[in-house]
N, C-alpha and C. Protein backbone atom coordinates (compact mmCIF):
# COMPACT_ATOMS: atom_id res chain seq x y z
N MET A 1 30.10 24.94 18.74
CA MET A 1 30.57 24.18 17.45
C MET A 1 31.81 23.09 18.11
N PRO A 2 31.76 21.98 17.27
CA PRO A 2 32.63 21.45 17.73
C PRO A 2 34.09 21.44 17.33
N GLY A 3 35.15 20.97 18.54
CA GLY A 3 36.28 21.79 18.73
C GLY A 3 36.78 23.10 18.67
N LEU A 4 36.18 23.34 19.26
CA LEU A 4 35.89 24.89 20.06
C LEU A 4 36.17 25.02 20.78
N GLN A 5 36.16 23.62 22.18
CA GLN A 5 36.66 23.64 23.39
C GLN A 5 37.74 22.89 23.63
N GLU A 6 38.86 22.71 24.17
CA GLU A 6 39.39 21.46 24.51
C GLU A 6 39.08 20.73 25.36
N ALA A 7 39.22 19.37 25.69
CA ALA A 7 38.48 18.81 27.16
C ALA A 7 39.30 19.63 28.49
N GLY A 8 38.61 20.01 29.20
CA GLY A 8 39.00 20.60 30.53
C GLY A 8 38.82 22.36 30.02
N GLY A 9 38.95 22.82 28.87
CA GLY A 9 39.30 24.03 29.06
C GLY A 9 38.67 25.05 28.06
N ALA A 10 38.59 26.38 28.04
CA ALA A 10 38.15 27.04 27.17
C ALA A 10 38.93 27.34 25.81
N THR A 11 39.97 26.37 25.54
CA THR A 11 40.81 26.98 24.85
C THR A 11 41.08 26.41 23.52
N LEU A 12 41.38 27.25 22.52
CA LEU A 12 41.13 27.04 21.08
C LEU A 12 42.96 26.68 20.99
N SER A 13 43.39 25.52 20.36
CA SER A 13 44.73 25.58 19.93
C SER A 13 44.71 24.52 18.64
N GLY A 14 46.17 24.80 18.08
CA GLY A 14 46.38 23.63 16.82
C GLY A 14 45.62 23.82 15.36
N ARG A 15 46.03 23.79 14.44
CA ARG A 15 45.49 23.73 13.09
C ARG A 15 43.78 23.91 13.01
N PRO A 16 43.60 22.76 13.49
CA PRO A 16 41.73 22.27 13.47
C PRO A 16 41.14 23.30 14.21
N ALA A 17 41.43 24.37 15.47
CA ALA A 17 40.92 24.78 16.28
C ALA A 17 41.24 26.22 15.55
N VAL A 18 42.09 26.81 14.98
CA VAL A 18 42.42 27.55 14.04
C VAL A 18 40.62 28.05 13.81
N ARG A 19 40.63 27.20 12.64
CA ARG A 19 39.55 26.93 11.99
C ARG A 19 38.05 27.05 12.81
N SER A 20 38.16 26.34 13.87
CA SER A 20 37.36 26.70 14.46
C SER A 20 37.04 28.40 15.22
N ARG A 21 38.32 28.56 15.53
CA ARG A 21 38.21 29.93 16.18
C ARG A 21 37.83 30.83 14.98
N TRP A 22 38.21 30.91 13.88
CA TRP A 22 37.32 31.73 13.09
C TRP A 22 35.82 31.77 12.50
N GLN A 23 35.53 30.23 12.57
CA GLN A 23 34.11 29.79 12.12
C GLN A 23 33.44 30.58 13.96
N ALA A 24 33.99 30.23 14.74
CA ALA A 24 33.26 31.24 16.22
C ALA A 24 33.06 32.92 16.06
N ILE A 25 34.17 33.10 15.61
CA ILE A 25 34.24 34.99 15.61
C ILE A 25 33.40 35.30 14.49
N VAL A 26 33.80 34.64 12.89
CA VAL A 26 32.74 34.63 11.84
C VAL A 26 31.36 34.71 12.00
N CYS A 27 30.63 33.61 13.12
CA CYS A 27 29.52 33.44 12.85
C CYS A 27 28.65 34.40 13.89
N VAL A 28 29.54 35.06 15.24
CA VAL A 28 29.03 35.68 15.99
C VAL A 28 28.73 36.77 15.36
N TRP A 29 29.63 37.26 14.46
CA TRP A 29 30.07 38.42 13.43
C TRP A 29 28.83 38.45 12.89
N LEU A 30 28.38 37.90 12.16
CA LEU A 30 27.46 37.70 11.07
C LEU A 30 26.14 37.76 11.59
N LEU A 31 25.90 36.76 12.52
CA LEU A 31 24.55 36.77 13.58
C LEU A 31 24.60 38.46 13.80
N GLY A 32 25.44 39.27 14.80
CA GLY A 32 25.23 40.03 15.21
C GLY A 32 24.88 41.25 14.35
N ALA A 33 25.82 41.20 13.06
CA ALA A 33 25.39 42.62 11.98
C ALA A 33 24.43 42.06 11.43
N ALA A 34 23.62 41.18 11.18
CA ALA A 34 22.77 40.58 9.90
C ALA A 34 21.40 41.30 11.52
N ALA A 35 21.60 40.78 12.64
CA ALA A 35 20.46 41.45 13.39
C ALA A 35 20.47 43.29 13.57
N ASP A 36 21.35 43.58 13.47
CA ASP A 36 21.40 44.87 13.33
C ASP A 36 21.29 45.34 11.98
N TRP A 37 21.26 45.22 11.09
CA TRP A 37 20.63 45.59 9.90
C TRP A 37 18.84 45.48 9.91
N ALA A 38 18.72 43.95 10.32
CA ALA A 38 17.53 43.50 10.61
C ALA A 38 16.65 44.53 11.09
N VAL A 39 16.68 44.77 12.37
CA VAL A 39 15.93 45.48 13.39
C VAL A 39 15.88 47.29 12.55
N LYS A 40 17.06 47.43 12.27
CA LYS A 40 17.17 48.95 11.58
C LYS A 40 16.18 49.06 10.46
N GLN A 41 16.12 47.77 9.12
CA GLN A 41 15.09 48.04 8.13
C GLN A 41 13.85 48.55 8.74
N CYS A 42 13.86 47.49 9.52
CA CYS A 42 12.02 46.96 10.16
C CYS A 42 11.82 48.29 10.63
N VAL A 43 12.41 49.22 11.30
CA VAL A 43 12.34 50.60 11.80
C VAL A 43 12.04 51.70 11.05
N VAL A 44 13.44 51.57 10.05
CA VAL A 44 13.10 52.59 8.97
C VAL A 44 11.76 52.23 8.09
N ALA A 45 11.26 51.45 7.86
CA ALA A 45 9.96 50.65 7.06
C ALA A 45 8.72 50.86 8.06
N PHE A 46 9.01 50.83 8.85
CA PHE A 46 7.70 51.35 10.48
C PHE A 46 7.75 52.64 10.15
N ASP A 47 8.80 53.58 10.03
CA ASP A 47 8.45 55.02 9.91
C ASP A 47 8.08 55.57 8.78
N ALA A 48 8.49 55.06 7.86
CA ALA A 48 7.50 55.52 6.65
C ALA A 48 6.34 55.22 6.34
N THR A 49 5.44 54.63 7.40
CA THR A 49 4.03 54.49 7.92
C THR A 49 3.50 55.32 8.84
N GLN A 50 4.25 55.78 9.93
CA GLN A 50 4.03 56.45 10.74
C GLN A 50 3.86 58.02 10.90
N PRO A 51 3.32 58.79 11.29
CA PRO A 51 3.25 60.21 11.51
C PRO A 51 4.68 60.26 11.68
N SER A 52 5.15 61.83 11.70
CA SER A 52 6.41 62.37 12.54
C SER A 52 6.42 62.66 14.17
N GLY A 53 7.58 62.75 14.45
CA GLY A 53 7.47 62.23 15.80
C GLY A 53 6.64 60.63 16.53
N TRP A 54 6.70 60.06 16.15
CA TRP A 54 5.78 58.73 16.99
C TRP A 54 7.20 58.02 17.46
N SER A 55 6.51 57.57 18.65
CA SER A 55 7.53 56.80 19.62
C SER A 55 6.18 55.59 19.95
N LEU A 56 6.90 54.46 20.56
CA LEU A 56 6.46 53.22 21.20
C LEU A 56 6.96 53.12 22.82
N ARG A 57 5.81 53.25 23.24
CA ARG A 57 6.72 52.89 25.11
C ARG A 57 5.92 51.48 25.20
N TYR A 58 7.67 50.90 26.02
CA TYR A 58 7.23 49.28 26.65
C TYR A 58 7.67 49.32 28.29
N LEU A 59 7.05 48.45 29.24
CA LEU A 59 7.45 48.39 30.41
C LEU A 59 7.36 49.89 31.04
N GLY A 60 6.14 50.34 30.65
CA GLY A 60 5.60 51.92 31.65
C GLY A 60 7.07 53.18 30.96
N GLY A 61 7.15 52.78 30.23
CA GLY A 61 8.24 54.28 29.61
C GLY A 61 9.51 53.42 30.28
N LEU A 62 9.87 52.43 30.37
CA LEU A 62 11.46 51.98 30.63
C LEU A 62 11.84 51.94 29.12
N LEU A 63 11.27 51.67 28.20
CA LEU A 63 11.65 51.04 26.98
C LEU A 63 10.85 51.91 25.72
N THR A 64 11.55 53.03 25.22
CA THR A 64 11.11 53.82 24.15
C THR A 64 11.78 52.93 22.88
N ILE A 65 10.46 52.58 21.64
CA ILE A 65 11.25 52.80 20.34
C ILE A 65 10.70 53.74 19.70
N ARG A 66 11.82 54.38 19.09
CA ARG A 66 11.54 55.73 18.14
C ARG A 66 12.95 55.56 16.73
N LEU A 67 12.77 56.36 16.27
CA LEU A 67 13.69 56.83 15.26
C LEU A 67 14.53 57.44 15.28
N LEU A 68 15.78 57.20 14.89
CA LEU A 68 16.95 58.15 15.50
C LEU A 68 17.57 58.66 14.30
N ARG A 69 18.10 59.68 13.73
CA ARG A 69 19.51 59.07 12.70
C ARG A 69 20.63 59.89 13.04
N ASN A 70 21.61 59.58 13.92
CA ASN A 70 22.45 60.29 14.69
C ASN A 70 23.83 60.44 13.65
N PRO A 71 24.25 61.37 13.20
CA PRO A 71 25.42 62.02 12.70
C PRO A 71 26.57 61.68 13.39
N GLY A 72 26.30 61.72 15.01
CA GLY A 72 27.96 61.85 15.05
C GLY A 72 27.73 60.00 16.27
N ALA A 73 28.12 60.71 17.43
CA ALA A 73 28.97 59.52 18.37
C ALA A 73 27.59 59.37 19.23
N ALA A 74 28.29 58.51 20.36
CA ALA A 74 26.96 58.40 21.37
C ALA A 74 26.90 59.73 22.03
N PHE A 75 25.29 59.85 22.14
CA PHE A 75 24.76 61.07 23.08
C PHE A 75 24.80 62.27 21.51
N SER A 76 25.06 61.57 20.51
CA SER A 76 25.07 63.06 18.92
C SER A 76 25.92 63.74 19.54
N MET A 77 27.08 63.28 19.92
CA MET A 77 28.30 63.99 20.16
C MET A 77 29.01 64.01 18.59
N GLY A 78 29.26 64.83 18.31
CA GLY A 78 30.40 65.20 17.65
C GLY A 78 29.42 65.35 15.95
N GLU A 79 28.49 65.40 15.99
CA GLU A 79 27.68 65.66 14.54
C GLU A 79 28.38 66.43 13.68
N ALA A 80 29.60 67.13 13.36
CA ALA A 80 30.26 67.54 12.57
C ALA A 80 31.25 66.78 12.26
N TYR A 81 31.31 65.56 12.68
CA TYR A 81 32.71 65.12 12.63
C TYR A 81 32.51 63.64 11.94
N THR A 82 31.23 63.34 11.23
CA THR A 82 30.47 61.97 10.61
C THR A 82 31.91 61.41 9.95
N PRO A 83 32.65 62.31 8.94
CA PRO A 83 33.40 61.04 8.16
C PRO A 83 34.46 60.89 8.79
N PHE A 84 35.13 61.51 10.13
CA PHE A 84 35.93 61.07 11.07
C PHE A 84 35.51 59.88 11.73
N PHE A 85 34.27 59.43 12.11
CA PHE A 85 33.63 58.75 12.94
C PHE A 85 33.77 57.23 11.75
N ALA A 86 33.37 57.84 10.49
CA ALA A 86 33.56 56.40 9.54
C ALA A 86 34.97 55.76 9.18
N VAL A 87 35.98 56.65 8.78
CA VAL A 87 37.24 56.38 9.25
C VAL A 87 37.61 55.79 10.23
N LEU A 88 37.18 56.13 11.56
CA LEU A 88 37.72 55.33 12.67
C LEU A 88 37.72 54.02 12.82
N ALA A 89 35.51 53.85 12.25
CA ALA A 89 35.33 52.78 12.33
C ALA A 89 36.26 51.98 11.67
N ILE A 90 36.61 52.16 9.95
CA ILE A 90 37.11 51.66 9.61
C ILE A 90 38.33 50.65 10.36
N ALA A 91 39.01 51.91 10.71
CA ALA A 91 40.68 51.38 11.31
C ALA A 91 40.10 50.61 12.49
N ALA A 92 39.30 50.44 13.29
CA ALA A 92 39.00 49.67 14.34
C ALA A 92 38.68 48.28 13.67
N LEU A 93 37.65 48.08 12.65
CA LEU A 93 37.22 47.16 12.26
C LEU A 93 39.30 46.32 11.46
N VAL A 94 39.41 46.84 10.72
CA VAL A 94 41.13 46.52 10.10
C VAL A 94 42.32 46.04 11.98
N GLY A 95 41.68 46.89 12.79
CA GLY A 95 42.65 46.01 13.73
C GLY A 95 42.25 45.37 14.70
N VAL A 96 40.90 45.25 14.84
CA VAL A 96 40.62 44.42 15.36
C VAL A 96 40.45 42.88 14.38
N LEU A 97 40.49 42.62 12.63
CA LEU A 97 40.38 41.94 12.29
C LEU A 97 41.87 41.59 12.01
N GLY A 98 43.25 42.73 11.72
CA GLY A 98 44.67 42.11 11.66
C GLY A 98 45.03 42.10 12.65
N TRP A 99 45.00 42.66 13.93
CA TRP A 99 45.80 42.32 15.41
C TRP A 99 44.99 41.37 16.17
N LEU A 100 43.63 41.71 16.42
CA LEU A 100 43.06 40.94 17.76
C LEU A 100 42.88 39.44 17.19
N ALA A 101 42.06 39.18 16.32
CA ALA A 101 41.53 37.89 15.96
C ALA A 101 42.78 36.80 15.80
N PRO A 102 43.29 37.57 14.89
CA PRO A 102 44.68 36.13 14.58
C PRO A 102 45.31 35.75 16.26
N ARG A 103 44.75 36.60 17.30
CA ARG A 103 45.49 35.71 18.38
C ARG A 103 44.93 35.41 19.34
N VAL A 104 43.56 35.41 18.72
CA VAL A 104 42.51 34.71 19.38
C VAL A 104 42.59 32.92 20.01
N ARG A 105 42.66 32.70 20.99
CA ARG A 105 42.59 31.05 21.31
C ARG A 105 41.74 30.78 22.31
N HIS A 106 41.01 31.31 22.63
CA HIS A 106 39.99 31.22 23.67
C HIS A 106 38.50 31.74 23.44
N ALA A 107 37.80 30.59 23.49
CA ALA A 107 36.19 30.76 23.48
C ALA A 107 35.48 32.08 23.62
N GLY A 108 35.84 32.23 24.58
CA GLY A 108 35.34 33.81 24.88
C GLY A 108 35.53 35.03 24.45
N TRP A 109 37.30 35.20 24.35
CA TRP A 109 37.59 35.95 23.51
C TRP A 109 37.23 35.82 22.03
N ALA A 110 36.68 35.01 21.51
CA ALA A 110 36.21 34.62 20.00
C ALA A 110 34.75 35.07 20.36
N TRP A 111 33.92 35.02 21.10
CA TRP A 111 32.70 35.69 20.95
C TRP A 111 33.06 37.02 21.21
N ALA A 112 33.91 37.52 22.12
CA ALA A 112 34.06 38.73 22.26
C ALA A 112 34.85 39.63 21.28
N THR A 113 35.30 38.82 20.19
CA THR A 113 35.73 39.65 19.22
C THR A 113 34.95 39.46 18.26
N GLY A 114 33.79 38.23 18.06
CA GLY A 114 32.85 38.64 17.05
C GLY A 114 31.78 39.94 17.12
N LEU A 115 31.41 39.85 18.66
CA LEU A 115 30.39 40.74 19.10
C LEU A 115 31.15 42.48 18.62
N LEU A 116 32.19 42.36 19.03
CA LEU A 116 33.08 43.50 18.43
C LEU A 116 32.96 43.85 16.75
N LEU A 117 33.30 43.03 15.91
CA LEU A 117 33.05 43.26 14.70
C LEU A 117 31.72 43.12 14.16
N ALA A 118 30.64 43.25 14.80
CA ALA A 118 29.67 43.10 14.66
C ALA A 118 29.14 44.73 15.09
N GLY A 119 29.44 44.65 16.07
CA GLY A 119 28.77 46.06 16.45
C GLY A 119 29.89 47.41 15.39
N ILE A 120 31.06 46.86 15.19
CA ILE A 120 31.94 48.37 14.40
C ILE A 120 31.06 48.25 13.17
N SER A 121 30.82 46.77 12.43
CA SER A 121 30.67 46.75 11.17
C SER A 121 29.22 47.19 10.94
N GLY A 122 28.08 46.95 11.82
CA GLY A 122 26.82 47.37 12.17
C GLY A 122 26.53 49.04 11.46
N ASN A 123 27.28 49.73 12.89
CA ASN A 123 27.44 51.33 12.11
C ASN A 123 28.41 51.77 11.37
N LEU A 124 29.40 50.96 10.91
CA LEU A 124 29.70 51.70 9.77
C LEU A 124 28.88 51.21 8.54
N PHE A 125 28.33 50.26 8.37
CA PHE A 125 27.39 50.23 7.24
C PHE A 125 26.80 51.49 6.94
N ASP A 126 26.12 51.64 8.44
CA ASP A 126 25.24 53.22 8.40
C ASP A 126 25.85 54.54 8.14
N ARG A 127 27.01 54.42 8.04
CA ARG A 127 28.14 55.66 7.88
C ARG A 127 28.47 55.43 6.32
N LEU A 128 28.55 54.46 5.91
CA LEU A 128 28.74 54.63 4.47
C LEU A 128 27.71 54.00 3.36
N PHE A 129 26.46 53.82 3.80
CA PHE A 129 25.54 53.34 2.66
C PHE A 129 24.19 54.04 2.74
N ARG A 130 24.49 54.95 4.34
CA ARG A 130 22.75 55.72 4.36
C ARG A 130 22.72 56.94 4.32
N GLU A 131 21.86 57.74 4.01
CA GLU A 131 21.77 59.03 3.55
C GLU A 131 22.52 59.84 4.70
N PRO A 132 23.00 60.84 4.61
CA PRO A 132 22.66 61.45 2.95
C PRO A 132 24.19 61.03 1.89
N GLY A 133 25.14 59.89 2.50
CA GLY A 133 25.66 59.72 1.82
C GLY A 133 27.00 58.88 2.38
N PRO A 134 27.77 58.50 1.18
CA PRO A 134 29.47 57.78 2.23
C PRO A 134 30.37 58.87 2.73
N PHE A 135 30.61 58.07 3.87
CA PHE A 135 31.05 58.76 5.00
C PHE A 135 30.61 59.73 5.70
N TYR A 136 28.98 60.39 5.35
CA TYR A 136 28.31 60.93 5.81
C TYR A 136 27.04 60.65 6.38
N GLY A 137 27.42 59.12 6.04
CA GLY A 137 25.63 58.63 6.48
C GLY A 137 25.28 58.65 7.49
N HIS A 138 23.91 58.80 8.41
CA HIS A 138 23.51 59.06 9.72
C HIS A 138 23.46 57.51 10.16
N VAL A 139 23.90 57.20 11.48
CA VAL A 139 23.22 55.79 12.34
C VAL A 139 21.98 55.17 12.66
N VAL A 140 21.29 54.74 12.33
CA VAL A 140 19.72 54.57 12.92
C VAL A 140 20.01 54.33 14.20
N ASP A 141 19.65 54.44 14.95
CA ASP A 141 19.25 54.17 16.63
C ASP A 141 17.72 54.13 16.47
N MET A 142 17.42 53.21 17.47
CA MET A 142 15.97 53.36 18.21
C MET A 142 15.10 52.62 19.65
N PHE A 143 16.08 52.50 20.10
CA PHE A 143 16.06 51.96 21.49
C PHE A 143 16.53 52.79 22.52
N GLU A 144 15.61 53.27 23.26
CA GLU A 144 15.50 54.57 24.53
C GLU A 144 15.08 54.15 25.73
N LEU A 145 16.34 54.41 26.78
CA LEU A 145 16.04 54.40 28.17
C LEU A 145 15.78 55.54 28.70
N PRO A 146 15.24 55.24 30.18
CA PRO A 146 15.56 57.23 30.51
C PRO A 146 16.98 57.42 30.85
N HIS A 147 16.77 59.00 30.41
CA HIS A 147 18.40 59.24 31.12
C HIS A 147 19.35 58.88 30.40
N PHE A 148 18.92 58.39 29.00
CA PHE A 148 20.32 57.46 28.45
C PHE A 148 20.40 57.52 26.96
N ALA A 149 21.41 57.79 26.26
CA ALA A 149 21.46 57.96 24.91
C ALA A 149 20.40 56.13 24.04
N VAL A 150 19.80 57.19 22.85
CA VAL A 150 18.81 56.08 21.87
C VAL A 150 20.13 55.31 21.09
N PHE A 151 19.70 54.15 21.45
CA PHE A 151 20.93 53.26 20.71
C PHE A 151 20.52 51.89 19.84
N ASN A 152 21.17 51.39 19.17
CA ASN A 152 20.65 49.80 18.14
C ASN A 152 21.63 48.68 18.70
N VAL A 153 21.50 47.95 17.57
CA VAL A 153 21.48 46.50 18.30
C VAL A 153 23.11 46.14 17.95
N ALA A 154 23.66 47.01 17.10
CA ALA A 154 25.29 47.42 16.82
C ALA A 154 25.69 47.64 17.95
N ASP A 155 25.25 48.97 18.88
CA ASP A 155 25.97 49.44 19.96
C ASP A 155 25.84 48.44 21.27
N MET A 156 24.61 47.60 21.28
CA MET A 156 24.44 46.53 22.02
C MET A 156 25.72 45.36 22.35
N CYS A 157 25.93 45.44 20.68
CA CYS A 157 26.60 44.18 20.76
C CYS A 157 28.71 44.69 21.06
N ILE A 158 28.87 45.83 20.68
CA ILE A 158 29.93 46.53 21.64
C ILE A 158 29.87 46.65 23.04
N THR A 159 28.77 46.89 23.41
CA THR A 159 29.21 47.07 25.16
C THR A 159 28.84 45.54 25.37
N ALA A 160 28.26 44.51 24.77
CA ALA A 160 28.14 43.27 25.47
C ALA A 160 30.10 43.05 25.20
N ALA A 161 30.42 43.43 23.75
CA ALA A 161 32.01 42.99 24.01
C ALA A 161 33.01 43.59 25.11
N ALA A 162 32.30 44.89 25.17
CA ALA A 162 33.35 45.65 26.06
C ALA A 162 33.13 44.94 27.58
N VAL A 163 32.26 44.42 27.88
CA VAL A 163 31.85 43.65 29.32
C VAL A 163 32.26 42.46 29.44
N LEU A 164 32.61 41.65 27.96
CA LEU A 164 32.96 40.62 28.16
C LEU A 164 34.75 40.60 27.88
N ILE A 165 34.96 41.51 27.65
CA ILE A 165 36.36 41.53 27.83
C ILE A 165 36.71 42.17 29.26
N VAL A 166 36.53 42.55 29.68
CA VAL A 166 36.54 43.93 31.03
C VAL A 166 36.19 42.31 32.14
N TRP A 167 35.50 41.38 31.56
CA TRP A 167 35.24 40.14 32.52
C TRP A 167 36.82 39.02 32.41
N LEU A 168 37.04 38.82 31.11
CA LEU A 168 37.94 38.04 30.60
C LEU A 168 39.06 38.47 30.89
N THR A 169 40.01 39.44 31.44
CA THR A 169 40.98 40.16 31.57
C THR A 169 40.93 40.92 33.34
N ALA A 170 39.81 41.01 33.73
CA ALA A 170 40.07 41.26 34.96
C ALA A 170 39.59 40.30 36.34
N VAL A 171 38.07 39.40 35.74
CA VAL A 171 38.43 38.51 36.51
C VAL A 171 38.63 36.98 36.10
N ALA A 172 38.58 36.78 35.03
CA ALA A 172 38.91 35.46 34.80
C ALA A 172 40.28 35.28 34.20
N LYS A 173 41.16 36.43 34.36
CA LYS A 173 42.44 36.83 33.97
C LYS A 173 43.11 35.69 33.07
N VAL A 174 42.20 36.34 32.01
CA VAL A 174 42.65 35.16 30.67
C VAL A 174 43.00 36.04 29.53
N SER A 175 44.10 35.68 28.94
CA SER A 175 44.42 36.93 27.79
C SER A 175 43.53 35.65 26.15
N PRO A 176 43.61 36.58 25.42
CA PRO A 176 43.17 36.46 24.13
C PRO A 176 43.82 35.12 23.50
N SER A 177 45.25 35.07 23.92
CA SER A 177 45.46 33.42 23.73
C SER A 177 45.69 32.18 24.52
N GLY A 178 44.80 32.70 25.43
CA GLY A 178 44.36 31.73 26.56
C GLY A 178 45.17 31.30 27.77
N ALA A 179 46.18 32.36 28.12
CA ALA A 179 46.96 32.54 28.70
C ALA A 179 46.65 32.95 30.16
N ARG A 180 47.01 32.12 31.52
CA ARG A 180 46.28 32.57 32.70
C ARG A 180 47.24 33.25 33.27
N GLU A 181 47.10 34.58 33.80
CA GLU A 181 48.25 34.97 34.83
C GLU A 181 49.31 35.06 34.09
N GLY A 182 50.37 35.11 33.34
CA GLY A 182 51.48 35.01 32.79
C GLY A 182 51.63 33.47 32.51
N LYS A 183 50.77 32.61 32.49
CA LYS A 183 51.34 31.31 32.55
C LYS A 183 51.13 31.28 30.57
N GLU A 184 51.93 29.97 30.21
CA GLU A 184 51.79 29.38 29.02
C GLU A 184 50.82 29.08 28.53
N PRO A 185 50.09 29.62 27.53
CA PRO A 185 48.20 28.91 26.84
C PRO A 185 48.75 27.70 26.61
N PRO A 186 47.90 27.00 26.80
CA PRO A 186 47.47 25.66 26.37
C PRO A 186 47.52 25.24 24.79
N GLY A 187 48.30 24.16 24.35
CA GLY A 187 48.83 24.38 22.83
C GLY A 187 49.86 25.67 22.45
N ALA A 188 50.73 26.15 22.90
CA ALA A 188 51.59 26.98 22.71
C ALA A 188 52.45 26.57 22.06
N GLY A 189 52.95 25.02 22.33
CA GLY A 189 53.72 24.34 21.17
C GLY A 189 53.30 23.93 19.65
N ASP A 190 51.97 24.34 19.83
CA ASP A 190 51.85 23.66 18.21
C ASP A 190 52.23 24.25 17.18
N VAL A 191 51.46 24.13 15.87
CA VAL A 191 51.91 24.69 14.97
C VAL A 191 50.97 26.18 14.78
N ALA A 192 52.65 26.65 14.45
CA ALA A 192 51.60 28.19 14.05
C ALA A 192 50.45 28.15 13.24
N ASP A 193 49.90 29.31 13.35
CA ASP A 193 48.83 29.58 12.65
C ASP A 193 49.47 30.00 11.02
N SER A 194 48.58 30.02 10.30
CA SER A 194 49.15 30.09 8.99
C SER A 194 47.65 31.19 8.26
């Protein structure tokens, strides 16, 4: 996107860059959430035409596709606490939008924030709008690897965001503001966001 990166750096600063930062975050968020929704819809529609217990195996069994409706968290833990997971997801979404996103001045952090929002909102959509009802909805999962939880595109977005955040903080040593190892972020003297 034009204006996303300054010459010689990956930092977003100044009033025009505020718009670019939000455009990057929202674009990644919407693309990730749309991909999650589309894959889930395809798998649910395919399931309606198949016998019970179907699965598709690829890569010699490395990847299996099957429909799983998960009321709990990863590995189906906490199945009795579905409303708690919905409330937790709402709180996480509000926290990312209200606390993290306004602080982002770095392109990598914009990507990480968008991916995080896509993952949270993808699974939250299921909790709010899928059967058996609001706050009790089961998350639609479909990808299975050997000896691992069944997951979906939203989970992949959350995982990608986590990996990117770890890389940005531990390897690149850059904060969401664009500061590196305690240095003042470029554009820190610019007009504050509104």
